[in-house]
Amino acid sequence: MTDRGAATRAALIEATRQVVQAVGYTHATTRVIAQAAGVAEGTIYRHFADKSALFFAAVLDRNATITERVSRLPARAGHDTVEVNLTDCLVELSGLRADMLPLELALLTDPDLARQQRQAVAARPEGGLVGPPMYVAAYLAAEQSLGRVRGDVDPAQVAVVLLATLFGLALVPSSDGNGVDRDLLASAVRLLTNGIAPTRQQGGRKTPASS
């Protein structure tokens, strides 16, 4: 990407933040965003596949520090336990909730956004994952190759379940009123990791192996 292209992309992301803050995701049209960025509406589609891709880029750019830390998750495969690694990752991602929850709700309630999101996912390889879900799936695949996650589970599907769990728990007030309750999040991750852990025979029963 040229310097001019990078500058235009940055301007579109900043304009998206401003417009969304003023009117919300559902009412933030590409026409208004383009006007705020000082470009033609068609310019948006030279940088982003669709409106939802622009919105997600704005959220992830705003939270670049969190996203960068989560990108290191696959390198943690084989270290600590799967439960500890996933819990730490989701605690990091809980910092996205203030920006992501309104966008997720908009995707559910705005037919145009929902349609664009479905089309974008269908066009992407590897289950359509990008950003944090992609890193979580890559981590799970790495643990799978080490035998610490069952071979018959789909890392991409598990990643989606984990992120859905996170945003569901984000709606539950924590005991201290400060973000997602880590103990509740850890309990949810424990339930899932017990389900995806390799099994071993013990006294005629199959039990989850320690991961």
N, C-alpha and C. Protein backbone atom coordinates (compact mmCIF):
# COMPACT_ATOMS: atom_id res chain seq x y z
N MET A 1 0.83 -1.19 0.00
CA MET A 1 0.00 0.00 0.00
C MET A 1 0.87 1.25 0.00
N THR A 2 0.53 2.21 -0.84
CA THR A 2 1.30 3.45 -0.91
C THR A 2 1.02 4.31 0.33
N ASP A 3 1.88 5.31 0.54
CA ASP A 3 1.67 6.22 1.67
C ASP A 3 0.32 6.92 1.55
N ARG A 4 -0.04 7.28 0.31
CA ARG A 4 -1.33 7.94 0.10
C ARG A 4 -2.48 7.00 0.42
N GLY A 5 -2.33 5.72 -0.01
CA GLY A 5 -3.37 4.74 0.28
C GLY A 5 -3.52 4.51 1.78
N ALA A 6 -2.38 4.43 2.48
CA ALA A 6 -2.41 4.23 3.93
C ALA A 6 -3.08 5.42 4.62
N ALA A 7 -2.79 6.62 4.11
CA ALA A 7 -3.39 7.82 4.70
C ALA A 7 -4.90 7.84 4.48
N THR A 8 -5.33 7.42 3.29
CA THR A 8 -6.77 7.38 3.00
C THR A 8 -7.46 6.35 3.89
N ARG A 9 -6.84 5.20 4.04
CA ARG A 9 -7.41 4.15 4.89
C ARG A 9 -7.54 4.64 6.33
N ALA A 10 -6.49 5.32 6.83
CA ALA A 10 -6.53 5.85 8.19
C ALA A 10 -7.62 6.90 8.34
N ALA A 11 -7.80 7.73 7.30
CA ALA A 11 -8.83 8.76 7.34
C ALA A 11 -10.22 8.13 7.38
N LEU A 12 -10.42 7.06 6.63
CA LEU A 12 -11.71 6.37 6.63
C LEU A 12 -12.00 5.75 7.99
N ILE A 13 -10.98 5.17 8.61
CA ILE A 13 -11.17 4.56 9.93
C ILE A 13 -11.51 5.63 10.96
N GLU A 14 -10.80 6.75 10.92
CA GLU A 14 -11.08 7.83 11.87
C GLU A 14 -12.47 8.41 11.63
N ALA A 15 -12.85 8.58 10.37
CA ALA A 15 -14.18 9.10 10.05
C ALA A 15 -15.26 8.14 10.54
N THR A 16 -14.99 6.83 10.41
CA THR A 16 -15.95 5.83 10.88
C THR A 16 -16.16 5.96 12.38
N ARG A 17 -15.07 6.11 13.13
CA ARG A 17 -15.20 6.28 14.58
C ARG A 17 -16.06 7.50 14.92
N GLN A 18 -15.80 8.59 14.24
CA GLN A 18 -16.52 9.83 14.54
C GLN A 18 -18.01 9.70 14.21
N VAL A 19 -18.30 9.12 13.04
CA VAL A 19 -19.70 8.99 12.62
C VAL A 19 -20.44 8.01 13.53
N VAL A 20 -19.81 6.88 13.83
CA VAL A 20 -20.44 5.88 14.70
C VAL A 20 -20.70 6.47 16.09
N GLN A 21 -19.75 7.24 16.59
CA GLN A 21 -19.93 7.86 17.90
C GLN A 21 -21.12 8.83 17.88
N ALA A 22 -21.32 9.47 16.75
CA ALA A 22 -22.40 10.45 16.64
C ALA A 22 -23.77 9.81 16.43
N VAL A 23 -23.84 8.76 15.58
CA VAL A 23 -25.17 8.23 15.20
C VAL A 23 -25.33 6.74 15.45
N GLY A 24 -24.27 6.02 15.84
CA GLY A 24 -24.37 4.58 16.04
C GLY A 24 -24.05 3.80 14.78
N TYR A 25 -23.75 2.50 14.92
CA TYR A 25 -23.37 1.67 13.77
C TYR A 25 -24.49 1.56 12.74
N THR A 26 -25.71 1.34 13.21
CA THR A 26 -26.81 1.09 12.29
C THR A 26 -27.07 2.27 11.36
N HIS A 27 -26.89 3.48 11.85
CA HIS A 27 -27.19 4.67 11.06
C HIS A 27 -25.95 5.30 10.41
N ALA A 28 -24.81 4.67 10.58
CA ALA A 28 -23.58 5.20 9.98
C ALA A 28 -23.49 4.70 8.54
N THR A 29 -23.91 5.51 7.59
CA THR A 29 -23.90 5.10 6.19
C THR A 29 -22.53 5.34 5.57
N THR A 30 -22.24 4.60 4.51
CA THR A 30 -20.96 4.79 3.83
C THR A 30 -20.87 6.18 3.20
N ARG A 31 -22.00 6.74 2.79
CA ARG A 31 -22.00 8.09 2.20
C ARG A 31 -21.54 9.12 3.22
N VAL A 32 -22.10 9.03 4.43
CA VAL A 32 -21.74 9.99 5.48
C VAL A 32 -20.29 9.80 5.91
N ILE A 33 -19.86 8.55 6.00
CA ILE A 33 -18.47 8.26 6.39
C ILE A 33 -17.50 8.82 5.35
N ALA A 34 -17.81 8.61 4.07
CA ALA A 34 -16.95 9.12 3.01
C ALA A 34 -16.88 10.65 3.05
N GLN A 35 -18.01 11.30 3.27
CA GLN A 35 -18.02 12.76 3.37
C GLN A 35 -17.15 13.23 4.53
N ALA A 36 -17.24 12.54 5.66
CA ALA A 36 -16.45 12.92 6.83
C ALA A 36 -14.96 12.73 6.57
N ALA A 37 -14.62 11.74 5.72
CA ALA A 37 -13.22 11.48 5.40
C ALA A 37 -12.71 12.34 4.26
N GLY A 38 -13.64 13.03 3.56
CA GLY A 38 -13.26 13.88 2.44
C GLY A 38 -12.92 13.12 1.19
N VAL A 39 -13.58 11.96 0.98
CA VAL A 39 -13.32 11.16 -0.22
C VAL A 39 -14.65 10.77 -0.86
N ALA A 40 -14.57 10.22 -2.07
CA ALA A 40 -15.77 9.71 -2.75
C ALA A 40 -16.21 8.41 -2.07
N GLU A 41 -17.51 8.15 -2.08
CA GLU A 41 -18.03 6.95 -1.43
C GLU A 41 -17.38 5.67 -1.98
N GLY A 42 -17.14 5.64 -3.30
CA GLY A 42 -16.54 4.45 -3.90
C GLY A 42 -15.14 4.16 -3.40
N THR A 43 -14.47 5.16 -2.86
CA THR A 43 -13.11 4.97 -2.34
C THR A 43 -13.09 3.96 -1.20
N ILE A 44 -14.17 3.91 -0.44
CA ILE A 44 -14.25 2.96 0.69
C ILE A 44 -14.00 1.54 0.20
N TYR A 45 -14.58 1.21 -0.96
CA TYR A 45 -14.51 -0.17 -1.44
C TYR A 45 -13.18 -0.51 -2.12
N ARG A 46 -12.30 0.47 -2.25
CA ARG A 46 -10.93 0.18 -2.69
C ARG A 46 -10.05 -0.23 -1.51
N HIS A 47 -10.56 0.01 -0.31
CA HIS A 47 -9.79 -0.30 0.90
C HIS A 47 -10.46 -1.36 1.78
N PHE A 48 -11.78 -1.51 1.65
CA PHE A 48 -12.50 -2.45 2.49
C PHE A 48 -13.53 -3.20 1.64
N ALA A 49 -13.72 -4.48 1.95
CA ALA A 49 -14.62 -5.30 1.14
C ALA A 49 -16.06 -4.81 1.22
N ASP A 50 -16.47 -4.31 2.37
CA ASP A 50 -17.83 -3.87 2.57
C ASP A 50 -17.91 -3.01 3.82
N LYS A 51 -19.11 -2.57 4.14
CA LYS A 51 -19.32 -1.69 5.29
C LYS A 51 -18.94 -2.37 6.60
N SER A 52 -19.30 -3.64 6.75
CA SER A 52 -18.98 -4.34 8.00
C SER A 52 -17.47 -4.49 8.17
N ALA A 53 -16.74 -4.73 7.06
CA ALA A 53 -15.28 -4.84 7.14
C ALA A 53 -14.67 -3.52 7.61
N LEU A 54 -15.22 -2.40 7.15
CA LEU A 54 -14.76 -1.09 7.59
C LEU A 54 -15.00 -0.91 9.08
N PHE A 55 -16.17 -1.33 9.55
CA PHE A 55 -16.49 -1.20 10.97
C PHE A 55 -15.53 -2.03 11.83
N PHE A 56 -15.31 -3.28 11.41
CA PHE A 56 -14.42 -4.13 12.19
C PHE A 56 -12.99 -3.57 12.19
N ALA A 57 -12.56 -3.03 11.06
CA ALA A 57 -11.22 -2.44 10.98
C ALA A 57 -11.10 -1.27 11.95
N ALA A 58 -12.16 -0.48 12.05
CA ALA A 58 -12.14 0.67 12.96
C ALA A 58 -12.04 0.21 14.41
N VAL A 59 -12.78 -0.85 14.76
CA VAL A 59 -12.74 -1.37 16.13
C VAL A 59 -11.36 -1.94 16.45
N LEU A 60 -10.82 -2.76 15.54
CA LEU A 60 -9.54 -3.41 15.80
C LEU A 60 -8.39 -2.41 15.78
N ASP A 61 -8.48 -1.39 14.93
CA ASP A 61 -7.44 -0.37 14.90
C ASP A 61 -7.42 0.41 16.22
N ARG A 62 -8.59 0.70 16.73
CA ARG A 62 -8.71 1.41 18.01
C ARG A 62 -8.11 0.59 19.14
N ASN A 63 -8.18 -0.73 19.01
CA ASN A 63 -7.69 -1.64 20.05
C ASN A 63 -6.48 -2.42 19.58
N ALA A 64 -5.59 -1.75 18.84
CA ALA A 64 -4.44 -2.42 18.22
C ALA A 64 -3.54 -3.09 19.25
N THR A 65 -3.40 -2.50 20.43
CA THR A 65 -2.53 -3.08 21.46
C THR A 65 -3.06 -4.43 21.92
N ILE A 66 -4.38 -4.50 22.14
CA ILE A 66 -5.00 -5.77 22.55
C ILE A 66 -4.86 -6.81 21.45
N THR A 67 -5.14 -6.41 20.22
CA THR A 67 -5.06 -7.35 19.10
C THR A 67 -3.64 -7.87 18.92
N GLU A 68 -2.65 -6.99 19.11
CA GLU A 68 -1.26 -7.41 18.94
C GLU A 68 -0.88 -8.44 20.00
N ARG A 69 -1.35 -8.24 21.24
CA ARG A 69 -1.04 -9.20 22.31
C ARG A 69 -1.69 -10.55 22.02
N VAL A 70 -2.93 -10.51 21.52
CA VAL A 70 -3.64 -11.76 21.23
C VAL A 70 -2.98 -12.49 20.06
N SER A 71 -2.34 -11.74 19.15
CA SER A 71 -1.68 -12.37 18.00
C SER A 71 -0.53 -13.28 18.44
N ARG A 72 -0.06 -13.11 19.68
CA ARG A 72 1.04 -13.95 20.19
C ARG A 72 0.54 -15.28 20.75
N LEU A 73 -0.78 -15.44 20.85
CA LEU A 73 -1.34 -16.64 21.47
C LEU A 73 -0.84 -17.94 20.84
N PRO A 74 -0.79 -18.08 19.50
CA PRO A 74 -0.34 -19.36 18.93
C PRO A 74 1.05 -19.77 19.41
N ALA A 75 1.90 -18.81 19.73
CA ALA A 75 3.26 -19.14 20.20
C ALA A 75 3.25 -19.74 21.60
N ARG A 76 2.11 -19.64 22.30
CA ARG A 76 2.02 -20.19 23.66
C ARG A 76 1.63 -21.66 23.67
N ALA A 77 1.37 -22.23 22.50
CA ALA A 77 1.00 -23.65 22.42
C ALA A 77 2.10 -24.49 23.07
N GLY A 78 1.69 -25.41 23.93
CA GLY A 78 2.64 -26.28 24.60
C GLY A 78 3.16 -25.73 25.91
N HIS A 79 2.83 -24.48 26.22
CA HIS A 79 3.27 -23.86 27.47
C HIS A 79 2.06 -23.63 28.38
N ASP A 80 2.25 -23.72 29.68
CA ASP A 80 1.14 -23.64 30.63
C ASP A 80 0.09 -24.67 30.24
N THR A 81 -1.17 -24.40 30.53
CA THR A 81 -2.24 -25.32 30.12
C THR A 81 -3.13 -24.62 29.11
N VAL A 82 -3.89 -25.40 28.37
CA VAL A 82 -4.81 -24.82 27.40
C VAL A 82 -5.81 -23.90 28.11
N GLU A 83 -6.27 -24.35 29.28
CA GLU A 83 -7.23 -23.54 30.04
C GLU A 83 -6.64 -22.19 30.44
N VAL A 84 -5.42 -22.19 30.96
CA VAL A 84 -4.78 -20.94 31.39
C VAL A 84 -4.57 -20.02 30.19
N ASN A 85 -4.07 -20.57 29.10
CA ASN A 85 -3.79 -19.74 27.92
C ASN A 85 -5.06 -19.10 27.35
N LEU A 86 -6.13 -19.90 27.26
CA LEU A 86 -7.37 -19.37 26.71
C LEU A 86 -8.02 -18.35 27.65
N THR A 87 -7.95 -18.63 28.95
CA THR A 87 -8.51 -17.67 29.91
C THR A 87 -7.78 -16.35 29.84
N ASP A 88 -6.44 -16.39 29.81
CA ASP A 88 -5.65 -15.15 29.72
C ASP A 88 -6.01 -14.38 28.44
N CYS A 89 -6.17 -15.12 27.35
CA CYS A 89 -6.49 -14.50 26.07
C CYS A 89 -7.86 -13.81 26.13
N LEU A 90 -8.85 -14.48 26.69
CA LEU A 90 -10.19 -13.90 26.74
C LEU A 90 -10.26 -12.72 27.70
N VAL A 91 -9.46 -12.77 28.77
CA VAL A 91 -9.40 -11.60 29.66
C VAL A 91 -8.86 -10.40 28.89
N GLU A 92 -7.80 -10.64 28.08
CA GLU A 92 -7.28 -9.56 27.23
C GLU A 92 -8.37 -9.03 26.30
N LEU A 93 -9.07 -9.95 25.65
CA LEU A 93 -10.08 -9.55 24.68
C LEU A 93 -11.29 -8.88 25.31
N SER A 94 -11.48 -9.10 26.61
CA SER A 94 -12.62 -8.46 27.27
C SER A 94 -12.50 -6.94 27.20
N GLY A 95 -11.27 -6.45 26.97
CA GLY A 95 -11.09 -5.02 26.80
C GLY A 95 -11.73 -4.47 25.54
N LEU A 96 -12.10 -5.37 24.61
CA LEU A 96 -12.76 -4.94 23.38
C LEU A 96 -14.27 -4.75 23.53
N ARG A 97 -14.80 -5.19 24.67
CA ARG A 97 -16.26 -5.31 24.77
C ARG A 97 -16.99 -3.99 24.54
N ALA A 98 -16.42 -2.88 25.04
CA ALA A 98 -17.13 -1.60 24.91
C ALA A 98 -17.30 -1.20 23.45
N ASP A 99 -16.36 -1.62 22.58
CA ASP A 99 -16.45 -1.28 21.16
C ASP A 99 -17.14 -2.38 20.36
N MET A 100 -16.90 -3.64 20.74
CA MET A 100 -17.41 -4.75 19.94
C MET A 100 -18.89 -5.05 20.17
N LEU A 101 -19.34 -4.93 21.41
CA LEU A 101 -20.74 -5.29 21.67
C LEU A 101 -21.73 -4.47 20.85
N PRO A 102 -21.58 -3.13 20.75
CA PRO A 102 -22.51 -2.38 19.90
C PRO A 102 -22.46 -2.81 18.44
N LEU A 103 -21.25 -3.16 17.97
CA LEU A 103 -21.12 -3.62 16.58
C LEU A 103 -21.78 -4.97 16.40
N GLU A 104 -21.57 -5.89 17.34
CA GLU A 104 -22.20 -7.20 17.24
C GLU A 104 -23.73 -7.06 17.25
N LEU A 105 -24.24 -6.17 18.10
CA LEU A 105 -25.69 -5.97 18.13
C LEU A 105 -26.19 -5.37 16.82
N ALA A 106 -25.41 -4.46 16.24
CA ALA A 106 -25.80 -3.88 14.95
C ALA A 106 -25.84 -4.94 13.86
N LEU A 107 -24.88 -5.87 13.89
CA LEU A 107 -24.84 -6.94 12.89
C LEU A 107 -26.07 -7.84 13.02
N LEU A 108 -26.57 -7.98 14.24
CA LEU A 108 -27.74 -8.82 14.46
C LEU A 108 -29.03 -8.13 14.04
N THR A 109 -29.08 -6.81 14.16
CA THR A 109 -30.34 -6.10 13.96
C THR A 109 -30.45 -5.37 12.62
N ASP A 110 -29.32 -5.11 11.97
CA ASP A 110 -29.35 -4.41 10.69
C ASP A 110 -29.25 -5.42 9.56
N PRO A 111 -30.32 -5.62 8.78
CA PRO A 111 -30.31 -6.65 7.72
C PRO A 111 -29.19 -6.45 6.71
N ASP A 112 -28.89 -5.20 6.36
CA ASP A 112 -27.84 -4.93 5.37
C ASP A 112 -26.47 -5.32 5.90
N LEU A 113 -26.20 -4.94 7.15
CA LEU A 113 -24.92 -5.30 7.76
C LEU A 113 -24.80 -6.81 7.92
N ALA A 114 -25.90 -7.46 8.35
CA ALA A 114 -25.88 -8.91 8.53
C ALA A 114 -25.61 -9.61 7.20
N ARG A 115 -26.25 -9.13 6.13
CA ARG A 115 -26.03 -9.75 4.81
C ARG A 115 -24.58 -9.58 4.36
N GLN A 116 -24.03 -8.37 4.51
CA GLN A 116 -22.65 -8.13 4.12
C GLN A 116 -21.69 -9.00 4.92
N GLN A 117 -21.99 -9.16 6.22
CA GLN A 117 -21.12 -9.99 7.06
C GLN A 117 -21.15 -11.44 6.61
N ARG A 118 -22.33 -11.96 6.28
CA ARG A 118 -22.44 -13.35 5.81
C ARG A 118 -21.68 -13.54 4.50
N GLN A 119 -21.80 -12.58 3.60
CA GLN A 119 -21.10 -12.68 2.31
C GLN A 119 -19.59 -12.64 2.50
N ALA A 120 -19.13 -11.76 3.39
CA ALA A 120 -17.69 -11.64 3.64
C ALA A 120 -17.14 -12.92 4.23
N VAL A 121 -17.86 -13.50 5.19
CA VAL A 121 -17.41 -14.74 5.83
C VAL A 121 -17.35 -15.87 4.81
N ALA A 122 -18.38 -15.97 3.96
CA ALA A 122 -18.42 -17.04 2.97
C ALA A 122 -17.27 -16.95 1.98
N ALA A 123 -16.79 -15.73 1.74
CA ALA A 123 -15.72 -15.53 0.75
C ALA A 123 -14.33 -15.76 1.32
N ARG A 124 -14.22 -15.84 2.64
CA ARG A 124 -12.90 -15.98 3.26
C ARG A 124 -12.51 -17.45 3.40
N PRO A 125 -11.22 -17.75 3.29
CA PRO A 125 -10.75 -19.12 3.53
C PRO A 125 -10.70 -19.41 5.03
N GLU A 126 -10.42 -20.65 5.39
CA GLU A 126 -10.21 -21.05 6.77
C GLU A 126 -11.35 -20.64 7.70
N GLY A 127 -12.57 -20.92 7.25
CA GLY A 127 -13.71 -20.67 8.12
C GLY A 127 -14.11 -19.22 8.21
N GLY A 128 -13.50 -18.35 7.41
CA GLY A 128 -13.89 -16.95 7.41
C GLY A 128 -13.39 -16.14 8.58
N LEU A 129 -12.41 -16.66 9.35
CA LEU A 129 -11.97 -15.95 10.54
C LEU A 129 -10.88 -14.93 10.22
N VAL A 130 -10.96 -13.80 10.88
CA VAL A 130 -9.93 -12.78 10.79
C VAL A 130 -9.72 -12.21 12.20
N GLY A 131 -8.61 -11.53 12.41
CA GLY A 131 -8.37 -10.88 13.69
C GLY A 131 -8.28 -11.86 14.84
N PRO A 132 -8.74 -11.49 16.04
CA PRO A 132 -8.63 -12.35 17.22
C PRO A 132 -9.18 -13.77 17.04
N PRO A 133 -10.36 -13.98 16.42
CA PRO A 133 -10.81 -15.36 16.25
C PRO A 133 -9.82 -16.21 15.45
N MET A 134 -9.17 -15.60 14.45
CA MET A 134 -8.18 -16.32 13.65
C MET A 134 -7.00 -16.76 14.51
N TYR A 135 -6.56 -15.89 15.43
CA TYR A 135 -5.43 -16.22 16.30
C TYR A 135 -5.80 -17.32 17.28
N VAL A 136 -7.03 -17.26 17.82
CA VAL A 136 -7.48 -18.30 18.73
C VAL A 136 -7.56 -19.64 18.01
N ALA A 137 -8.08 -19.64 16.79
CA ALA A 137 -8.16 -20.88 16.01
C ALA A 137 -6.76 -21.42 15.70
N ALA A 138 -5.82 -20.54 15.37
CA ALA A 138 -4.45 -20.97 15.08
C ALA A 138 -3.81 -21.57 16.33
N TYR A 139 -4.08 -20.98 17.48
CA TYR A 139 -3.55 -21.52 18.74
C TYR A 139 -4.11 -22.92 18.99
N LEU A 140 -5.42 -23.08 18.84
CA LEU A 140 -6.04 -24.38 19.08
C LEU A 140 -5.52 -25.43 18.11
N ALA A 141 -5.30 -25.04 16.86
CA ALA A 141 -4.74 -25.98 15.88
C ALA A 141 -3.34 -26.39 16.28
N ALA A 142 -2.55 -25.44 16.82
CA ALA A 142 -1.19 -25.76 17.27
C ALA A 142 -1.23 -26.73 18.45
N GLU A 143 -2.16 -26.50 19.39
CA GLU A 143 -2.30 -27.41 20.53
C GLU A 143 -2.79 -28.78 20.06
N GLN A 144 -3.63 -28.77 19.04
CA GLN A 144 -4.13 -30.02 18.48
C GLN A 144 -2.98 -30.85 17.92
N SER A 145 -2.04 -30.18 17.24
CA SER A 145 -0.89 -30.88 16.68
C SER A 145 0.02 -31.44 17.76
N LEU A 146 -0.06 -30.88 18.97
CA LEU A 146 0.75 -31.36 20.10
C LEU A 146 0.00 -32.41 20.92
N GLY A 147 -1.23 -32.70 20.52
CA GLY A 147 -2.01 -33.70 21.23
C GLY A 147 -2.68 -33.18 22.49
N ARG A 148 -2.75 -31.87 22.65
CA ARG A 148 -3.36 -31.31 23.86
C ARG A 148 -4.81 -30.87 23.62
N VAL A 149 -5.27 -31.00 22.38
CA VAL A 149 -6.66 -30.77 22.01
C VAL A 149 -7.09 -31.95 21.15
N ARG A 150 -8.30 -32.44 21.35
CA ARG A 150 -8.78 -33.60 20.60
C ARG A 150 -8.66 -33.38 19.10
N GLY A 151 -8.30 -34.45 18.41
CA GLY A 151 -8.09 -34.35 16.97
C GLY A 151 -9.36 -34.19 16.16
N ASP A 152 -10.51 -34.49 16.75
CA ASP A 152 -11.76 -34.44 15.98
C ASP A 152 -12.52 -33.12 16.15
N VAL A 153 -11.94 -32.15 16.86
CA VAL A 153 -12.63 -30.87 17.00
C VAL A 153 -12.15 -29.90 15.92
N ASP A 154 -13.01 -28.95 15.57
CA ASP A 154 -12.69 -27.95 14.56
C ASP A 154 -12.21 -26.68 15.28
N PRO A 155 -10.92 -26.33 15.17
CA PRO A 155 -10.40 -25.15 15.87
C PRO A 155 -11.17 -23.88 15.57
N ALA A 156 -11.60 -23.70 14.31
CA ALA A 156 -12.34 -22.49 13.95
C ALA A 156 -13.68 -22.43 14.67
N GLN A 157 -14.38 -23.56 14.75
CA GLN A 157 -15.67 -23.57 15.44
C GLN A 157 -15.49 -23.30 16.93
N VAL A 158 -14.46 -23.90 17.53
CA VAL A 158 -14.22 -23.68 18.96
C VAL A 158 -13.87 -22.21 19.22
N ALA A 159 -13.10 -21.62 18.32
CA ALA A 159 -12.75 -20.19 18.46
C ALA A 159 -14.01 -19.33 18.46
N VAL A 160 -14.94 -19.63 17.58
CA VAL A 160 -16.19 -18.86 17.51
C VAL A 160 -16.98 -19.04 18.80
N VAL A 161 -17.04 -20.27 19.31
CA VAL A 161 -17.77 -20.53 20.57
C VAL A 161 -17.13 -19.73 21.71
N LEU A 162 -15.80 -19.72 21.77
CA LEU A 162 -15.11 -18.98 22.82
C LEU A 162 -15.42 -17.49 22.78
N LEU A 163 -15.35 -16.92 21.58
CA LEU A 163 -15.62 -15.49 21.46
C LEU A 163 -17.08 -15.17 21.75
N ALA A 164 -17.99 -16.06 21.35
CA ALA A 164 -19.40 -15.86 21.66
C ALA A 164 -19.62 -15.92 23.17
N THR A 165 -18.90 -16.83 23.83
CA THR A 165 -18.99 -16.93 25.28
C THR A 165 -18.51 -15.65 25.94
N LEU A 166 -17.39 -15.14 25.45
CA LEU A 166 -16.84 -13.90 26.01
C LEU A 166 -17.86 -12.76 25.92
N PHE A 167 -18.43 -12.55 24.74
CA PHE A 167 -19.34 -11.43 24.59
C PHE A 167 -20.67 -11.66 25.30
N GLY A 168 -21.03 -12.93 25.48
CA GLY A 168 -22.20 -13.21 26.30
C GLY A 168 -21.95 -12.86 27.76
N LEU A 169 -20.78 -13.23 28.28
CA LEU A 169 -20.44 -12.94 29.67
C LEU A 169 -20.21 -11.46 29.89
N ALA A 170 -19.88 -10.74 28.83
CA ALA A 170 -19.67 -9.29 28.96
C ALA A 170 -20.96 -8.58 29.35
N LEU A 171 -22.09 -9.25 29.14
CA LEU A 171 -23.39 -8.66 29.51
C LEU A 171 -23.72 -8.91 30.98
N VAL A 172 -22.91 -9.78 31.65
CA VAL A 172 -23.14 -10.09 33.06
C VAL A 172 -22.26 -9.20 33.92
N PRO A 173 -22.83 -8.38 34.81
CA PRO A 173 -22.01 -7.48 35.64
C PRO A 173 -21.04 -8.27 36.51
N SER A 174 -19.79 -7.82 36.58
CA SER A 174 -18.81 -8.46 37.45
C SER A 174 -19.06 -8.06 38.89
N SER A 175 -18.51 -8.82 39.83
CA SER A 175 -18.75 -8.55 41.25
C SER A 175 -18.21 -7.19 41.67
N ASP A 176 -17.12 -6.75 41.01
CA ASP A 176 -16.55 -5.46 41.37
C ASP A 176 -16.96 -4.34 40.41
N GLY A 177 -17.81 -4.68 39.43
CA GLY A 177 -18.27 -3.68 38.48
C GLY A 177 -17.21 -3.20 37.52
N ASN A 178 -16.12 -3.98 37.40
CA ASN A 178 -15.00 -3.55 36.56
C ASN A 178 -14.70 -4.60 35.50
N GLY A 179 -15.51 -4.61 34.43
CA GLY A 179 -15.25 -5.52 33.32
C GLY A 179 -15.80 -6.91 33.56
N VAL A 180 -15.34 -7.87 32.75
CA VAL A 180 -15.79 -9.25 32.82
C VAL A 180 -15.22 -9.92 34.06
N ASP A 181 -16.05 -10.71 34.75
CA ASP A 181 -15.62 -11.43 35.94
C ASP A 181 -14.67 -12.56 35.53
N ARG A 182 -13.40 -12.47 35.94
CA ARG A 182 -12.40 -13.46 35.52
C ARG A 182 -12.77 -14.86 36.00
N ASP A 183 -13.29 -14.98 37.23
CA ASP A 183 -13.63 -16.31 37.75
C ASP A 183 -14.74 -16.95 36.91
N LEU A 184 -15.73 -16.16 36.54
CA LEU A 184 -16.81 -16.68 35.70
C LEU A 184 -16.29 -17.06 34.33
N LEU A 185 -15.41 -16.23 33.79
CA LEU A 185 -14.81 -16.51 32.49
C LEU A 185 -13.97 -17.79 32.55
N ALA A 186 -13.19 -17.94 33.62
CA ALA A 186 -12.36 -19.13 33.78
C ALA A 186 -13.22 -20.39 33.89
N SER A 187 -14.36 -20.29 34.57
CA SER A 187 -15.27 -21.43 34.69
C SER A 187 -15.81 -21.84 33.33
N ALA A 188 -16.17 -20.85 32.51
CA ALA A 188 -16.68 -21.14 31.17
C ALA A 188 -15.60 -21.79 30.31
N VAL A 189 -14.37 -21.28 30.39
CA VAL A 189 -13.27 -21.86 29.62
C VAL A 189 -12.99 -23.28 30.08
N ARG A 190 -13.07 -23.52 31.40
CA ARG A 190 -12.81 -24.86 31.95
C ARG A 190 -13.82 -25.86 31.39
N LEU A 191 -15.09 -25.45 31.32
CA LEU A 191 -16.10 -26.34 30.76
C LEU A 191 -15.77 -26.72 29.32
N LEU A 192 -15.33 -25.72 28.55
CA LEU A 192 -15.03 -25.98 27.15
C LEU A 192 -13.77 -26.82 27.00
N THR A 193 -12.71 -26.48 27.74
CA THR A 193 -11.45 -27.22 27.59
C THR A 193 -11.60 -28.67 28.04
N ASN A 194 -12.47 -28.92 29.03
CA ASN A 194 -12.73 -30.31 29.40
C ASN A 194 -13.36 -31.07 28.24
N GLY A 195 -14.17 -30.36 27.46
CA GLY A 195 -14.83 -31.00 26.34
C GLY A 195 -13.92 -31.26 25.15
N ILE A 196 -12.88 -30.41 24.97
CA ILE A 196 -12.00 -30.58 23.81
C ILE A 196 -10.69 -31.26 24.15
N ALA A 197 -10.52 -31.62 25.44
CA ALA A 197 -9.27 -32.28 25.85
C ALA A 197 -9.25 -33.72 25.36
N PRO A 198 -8.06 -34.26 25.05
CA PRO A 198 -7.96 -35.67 24.70
C PRO A 198 -8.47 -36.51 25.87
N THR A 199 -9.05 -37.67 25.60
CA THR A 199 -9.57 -38.52 26.66
C THR A 199 -8.66 -39.71 26.90
N ARG A 200 -8.75 -40.24 28.13
CA ARG A 200 -7.98 -41.43 28.46
C ARG A 200 -8.88 -42.38 29.23
N GLN A 201 -8.61 -43.66 29.14
CA GLN A 201 -9.40 -44.67 29.85
C GLN A 201 -8.99 -44.71 31.31
N GLN A 202 -9.98 -44.71 32.22
CA GLN A 202 -9.70 -44.78 33.64
C GLN A 202 -10.85 -45.51 34.31
N GLY A 203 -10.57 -46.72 34.78
CA GLY A 203 -11.61 -47.49 35.46
C GLY A 203 -12.80 -47.79 34.58
N GLY A 204 -12.51 -48.00 33.27
CA GLY A 204 -13.59 -48.33 32.35
C GLY A 204 -14.34 -47.13 31.84
N ARG A 205 -13.93 -45.92 32.29
CA ARG A 205 -14.59 -44.70 31.83
C ARG A 205 -13.61 -43.81 31.09
N LYS A 206 -14.11 -43.05 30.17
CA LYS A 206 -13.28 -42.06 29.49
C LYS A 206 -13.32 -40.76 30.27
N THR A 207 -12.16 -40.22 30.60
CA THR A 207 -12.08 -38.97 31.33
C THR A 207 -11.16 -38.02 30.58
N PRO A 208 -11.40 -36.69 30.70
CA PRO A 208 -10.51 -35.74 30.03
C PRO A 208 -9.09 -35.85 30.56
N ALA A 209 -8.12 -35.86 29.65
CA ALA A 209 -6.72 -35.85 30.07
C ALA A 209 -6.33 -34.44 30.46
N SER A 210 -5.36 -34.30 31.33
CA SER A 210 -4.89 -32.99 31.76
C SER A 210 -4.28 -32.27 30.56
N SER A 211 -4.66 -31.00 30.36
CA SER A 211 -4.11 -30.21 29.25
C SER A 211 -3.45 -28.96 29.79
